[in-house]
Amino acid sequence: MIFVDTNYFLRFLLADNDKQHLIAKKIFTEAANGKNQLTTSIIVLFEIYWVLSSFYGKEKTEIAKVLKNLLEMKFIEIPDRSIFSDAVEIYSTNRLDLEDSFNLIFAKSQKTTSFKTFDRNLENEFKKRKI
């Protein structure tokens, strides 16, 4: 099992460093062909979101598309994949940021009955999505 960190994903996705892009591409291609197993963490996915939005200035729609594409890579083990996937869906169609979208879906997955926040948008989304 190989853990893949944020910079490998970014070099693969952005191809902004030829040498590193090819190294990262090889790891992903081998995993897609069953030659190795990859795993990553939710934190890495959030870092990808943060770097794409803050450093590269990517738009929300483009970031959501990138994250959805990563989630479709079934050869990468991602804990809480379905929660993150649902969060990306909310993020892509809503005014909430990805962190709030994730917390909303995570809270629902834990069957919480209340969501304490001073963020009215988040509170309203929680109420709209009653279990």
C-alpha atoms as a PDB file:
ATOM      1  CA  MET A   1       0.000   0.000   0.000  1.00  0.00           C
ATOM      2  CA  ILE A   2       1.347   3.420  -0.994  1.00  0.00           C
ATOM      3  CA  PHE A   3       0.174   6.663   0.618  1.00  0.00           C
ATOM      4  CA  VAL A   4      -0.170   9.500  -1.888  1.00  0.00           C
ATOM      5  CA  ASP A   5       0.326  13.042  -0.581  1.00  0.00           C
ATOM      6  CA  THR A   6      -1.058  16.301  -1.910  1.00  0.00           C
ATOM      7  CA  ASN A   7       1.937  17.258  -4.040  1.00  0.00           C
ATOM      8  CA  TYR A   8       1.766  13.994  -6.028  1.00  0.00           C
ATOM      9  CA  PHE A   9      -1.871  14.659  -6.877  1.00  0.00           C
ATOM     10  CA  LEU A  10      -1.145  18.267  -7.795  1.00  0.00           C
ATOM     11  CA  ARG A  11       1.837  17.440 -10.008  1.00  0.00           C
ATOM     12  CA  PHE A  12      -0.257  14.762 -11.740  1.00  0.00           C
ATOM     13  CA  LEU A  13      -3.266  17.056 -12.200  1.00  0.00           C
ATOM     14  CA  LEU A  14      -1.501  20.287 -13.102  1.00  0.00           C
ATOM     15  CA  ALA A  15       1.464  18.881 -15.055  1.00  0.00           C
ATOM     16  CA  ASP A  16       3.388  22.022 -14.102  1.00  0.00           C
ATOM     17  CA  ASN A  17       6.633  20.139 -13.489  1.00  0.00           C
ATOM     18  CA  ASP A  18       7.378  17.650 -16.253  1.00  0.00           C
ATOM     19  CA  LYS A  19       9.655  15.366 -14.247  1.00  0.00           C
ATOM     20  CA  GLN A  20       7.365  15.181 -11.214  1.00  0.00           C
ATOM     21  CA  HIS A  21       4.277  14.849 -13.429  1.00  0.00           C
ATOM     22  CA  LEU A  22       5.736  11.746 -15.087  1.00  0.00           C
ATOM     23  CA  ILE A  23       6.701  10.198 -11.739  1.00  0.00           C
ATOM     24  CA  ALA A  24       3.222  10.812 -10.316  1.00  0.00           C
ATOM     25  CA  LYS A  25       1.528   9.635 -13.511  1.00  0.00           C
ATOM     26  CA  LYS A  26       3.478   6.363 -13.335  1.00  0.00           C
ATOM     27  CA  ILE A  27       2.247   5.663  -9.780  1.00  0.00           C
ATOM     28  CA  PHE A  28      -1.379   6.350 -10.742  1.00  0.00           C
ATOM     29  CA  THR A  29      -1.144   4.347 -13.973  1.00  0.00           C
ATOM     30  CA  GLU A  30       0.355   1.365 -12.158  1.00  0.00           C
ATOM     31  CA  ALA A  31      -2.421   1.497  -9.569  1.00  0.00           C
ATOM     32  CA  ALA A  32      -5.091   1.752 -12.261  1.00  0.00           C
ATOM     33  CA  ASN A  33      -3.562  -1.379 -13.825  1.00  0.00           C
ATOM     34  CA  GLY A  34      -3.569  -3.232 -10.491  1.00  0.00           C
ATOM     35  CA  LYS A  35       0.210  -3.198  -9.999  1.00  0.00           C
ATOM     36  CA  ASN A  36       0.054  -1.361  -6.676  1.00  0.00           C
ATOM     37  CA  GLN A  37      -2.482  -0.086  -4.158  1.00  0.00           C
ATOM     38  CA  LEU A  38      -2.848   3.576  -3.272  1.00  0.00           C
ATOM     39  CA  THR A  39      -4.415   5.307  -0.332  1.00  0.00           C
ATOM     40  CA  THR A  40      -4.754   8.909   0.772  1.00  0.00           C
ATOM     41  CA  SER A  41      -6.598  10.883   3.430  1.00  0.00           C
ATOM     42  CA  ILE A  42      -9.442  13.337   3.549  1.00  0.00           C
ATOM     43  CA  ILE A  43      -6.912  15.941   4.699  1.00  0.00           C
ATOM     44  CA  VAL A  44      -5.032  15.495   1.405  1.00  0.00           C
ATOM     45  CA  LEU A  45      -8.251  16.105  -0.540  1.00  0.00           C
ATOM     46  CA  PHE A  46      -8.884  19.261   1.480  1.00  0.00           C
ATOM     47  CA  GLU A  47      -5.309  20.385   0.793  1.00  0.00           C
ATOM     48  CA  ILE A  48      -5.888  19.895  -2.938  1.00  0.00           C
ATOM     49  CA  TYR A  49      -9.019  22.052  -2.649  1.00  0.00           C
ATOM     50  CA  TRP A  50      -7.151  24.709  -0.675  1.00  0.00           C
ATOM     51  CA  VAL A  51      -4.122  24.863  -2.991  1.00  0.00           C
ATOM     52  CA  LEU A  52      -6.264  24.987  -6.135  1.00  0.00           C
ATOM     53  CA  SER A  53      -8.442  27.776  -4.736  1.00  0.00           C
ATOM     54  CA  SER A  54      -5.903  29.904  -2.877  1.00  0.00           C
ATOM     55  CA  PHE A  55      -2.602  29.409  -4.694  1.00  0.00           C
ATOM     56  CA  TYR A  56      -3.816  28.723  -8.233  1.00  0.00           C
ATOM     57  CA  GLY A  57      -7.003  30.832  -8.038  1.00  0.00           C
ATOM     58  CA  LYS A  58      -9.179  28.135  -9.607  1.00  0.00           C
ATOM     59  CA  GLU A  59     -12.939  28.665  -9.726  1.00  0.00           C
ATOM     60  CA  LYS A  60     -15.334  26.634  -7.618  1.00  0.00           C
ATOM     61  CA  THR A  61     -16.734  24.727 -10.613  1.00  0.00           C
ATOM     62  CA  GLU A  62     -13.268  23.683 -11.765  1.00  0.00           C
ATOM     63  CA  ILE A  63     -12.233  22.602  -8.267  1.00  0.00           C
ATOM     64  CA  ALA A  64     -15.415  20.573  -7.840  1.00  0.00           C
ATOM     65  CA  LYS A  65     -14.785  18.856 -11.177  1.00  0.00           C
ATOM     66  CA  VAL A  66     -11.207  17.969 -10.177  1.00  0.00           C
ATOM     67  CA  LEU A  67     -12.354  16.572  -6.831  1.00  0.00           C
ATOM     68  CA  LYS A  68     -15.157  14.560  -8.446  1.00  0.00           C
ATOM     69  CA  ASN A  69     -12.661  13.099 -10.915  1.00  0.00           C
ATOM     70  CA  LEU A  70     -10.332  12.104  -8.067  1.00  0.00           C
ATOM     71  CA  LEU A  71     -13.201  10.446  -6.227  1.00  0.00           C
ATOM     72  CA  GLU A  72     -13.956   8.391  -9.329  1.00  0.00           C
ATOM     73  CA  MET A  73     -10.469   6.845  -9.174  1.00  0.00           C
ATOM     74  CA  LYS A  74     -11.596   3.656  -7.441  1.00  0.00           C
ATOM     75  CA  PHE A  75      -8.027   2.335  -7.364  1.00  0.00           C
ATOM     76  CA  ILE A  76      -7.273   4.875  -4.623  1.00  0.00           C
ATOM     77  CA  GLU A  77      -8.520   3.994  -1.161  1.00  0.00           C
ATOM     78  CA  ILE A  78     -10.121   7.084   0.380  1.00  0.00           C
ATOM     79  CA  PRO A  79     -11.632   6.906   3.874  1.00  0.00           C
ATOM     80  CA  ASP A  80     -15.119   8.431   4.037  1.00  0.00           C
ATOM     81  CA  ARG A  81     -15.232   8.631   0.233  1.00  0.00           C
ATOM     82  CA  SER A  82     -19.039   8.791   0.154  1.00  0.00           C
ATOM     83  CA  ILE A  83     -19.196  11.569   2.748  1.00  0.00           C
ATOM     84  CA  PHE A  84     -16.595  13.596   0.874  1.00  0.00           C
ATOM     85  CA  SER A  85     -18.363  12.925  -2.426  1.00  0.00           C
ATOM     86  CA  ASP A  86     -21.664  14.199  -1.020  1.00  0.00           C
ATOM     87  CA  ALA A  87     -19.842  17.226   0.397  1.00  0.00           C
ATOM     88  CA  VAL A  88     -18.343  18.030  -3.012  1.00  0.00           C
ATOM     89  CA  GLU A  89     -21.817  17.810  -4.526  1.00  0.00           C
ATOM     90  CA  ILE A  90     -23.181  20.321  -1.997  1.00  0.00           C
ATOM     91  CA  TYR A  91     -20.116  22.543  -2.443  1.00  0.00           C
ATOM     92  CA  SER A  92     -20.587  22.566  -6.215  1.00  0.00           C
ATOM     93  CA  THR A  93     -24.264  23.547  -6.061  1.00  0.00           C
ATOM     94  CA  ASN A  94     -24.380  25.779  -3.012  1.00  0.00           C
ATOM     95  CA  ARG A  95     -22.889  28.865  -1.369  1.00  0.00           C
ATOM     96  CA  LEU A  96     -21.185  26.773   1.301  1.00  0.00           C
ATOM     97  CA  ASP A  97     -17.444  26.188   1.205  1.00  0.00           C
ATOM     98  CA  LEU A  98     -16.118  22.649   1.108  1.00  0.00           C
ATOM     99  CA  GLU A  99     -15.286  22.514   4.818  1.00  0.00           C
ATOM    100  CA  ASP A 100     -18.832  23.446   5.815  1.00  0.00           C
ATOM    101  CA  SER A 101     -20.285  21.085   3.230  1.00  0.00           C
ATOM    102  CA  PHE A 102     -18.203  18.234   4.638  1.00  0.00           C
ATOM    103  CA  ASN A 103     -19.179  19.050   8.219  1.00  0.00           C
ATOM    104  CA  LEU A 104     -22.839  19.145   7.214  1.00  0.00           C
ATOM    105  CA  ILE A 105     -22.712  15.712   5.574  1.00  0.00           C
ATOM    106  CA  PHE A 106     -20.553  14.285   8.357  1.00  0.00           C
ATOM    107  CA  ALA A 107     -23.020  15.531  10.985  1.00  0.00           C
ATOM    108  CA  LYS A 108     -25.873  13.928   9.062  1.00  0.00           C
ATOM    109  CA  SER A 109     -23.944  10.649   8.817  1.00  0.00           C
ATOM    110  CA  GLN A 110     -23.640  10.703  12.615  1.00  0.00           C
ATOM    111  CA  LYS A 111     -27.424  11.186  12.860  1.00  0.00           C
ATOM    112  CA  THR A 112     -27.092  14.451  14.751  1.00  0.00           C
ATOM    113  CA  THR A 113     -30.323  16.246  15.537  1.00  0.00           C
ATOM    114  CA  SER A 114     -28.831  19.690  15.975  1.00  0.00           C
ATOM    115  CA  PHE A 115     -26.006  21.688  14.410  1.00  0.00           C
ATOM    116  CA  LYS A 116     -24.598  24.529  16.490  1.00  0.00           C
ATOM    117  CA  THR A 117     -23.036  27.276  14.402  1.00  0.00           C
ATOM    118  CA  PHE A 118     -23.205  31.044  14.005  1.00  0.00           C
ATOM    119  CA  ASP A 119     -23.200  30.583  10.228  1.00  0.00           C
ATOM    120  CA  ARG A 120     -26.822  31.072   9.134  1.00  0.00           C
ATOM    121  CA  ASN A 121     -26.286  29.555   5.682  1.00  0.00           C
ATOM    122  CA  LEU A 122     -24.864  26.399   7.212  1.00  0.00           C
ATOM    123  CA  GLU A 123     -27.592  26.218   9.837  1.00  0.00           C
ATOM    124  CA  ASN A 124     -30.282  26.616   7.169  1.00  0.00           C
ATOM    125  CA  GLU A 125     -28.713  23.880   5.038  1.00  0.00           C
ATOM    126  CA  PHE A 126     -28.692  21.563   8.035  1.00  0.00           C
ATOM    127  CA  LYS A 127     -32.390  22.230   8.649  1.00  0.00           C
ATOM    128  CA  LYS A 128     -33.208  21.625   4.965  1.00  0.00           C
ATOM    129  CA  ARG A 129     -31.519  18.239   5.114  1.00  0.00           C
ATOM    130  CA  LYS A 130     -33.300  16.769   8.127  1.00  0.00           C
ATOM    131  CA  ILE A 131     -32.917  13.014   8.486  1.00  0.00           C
END
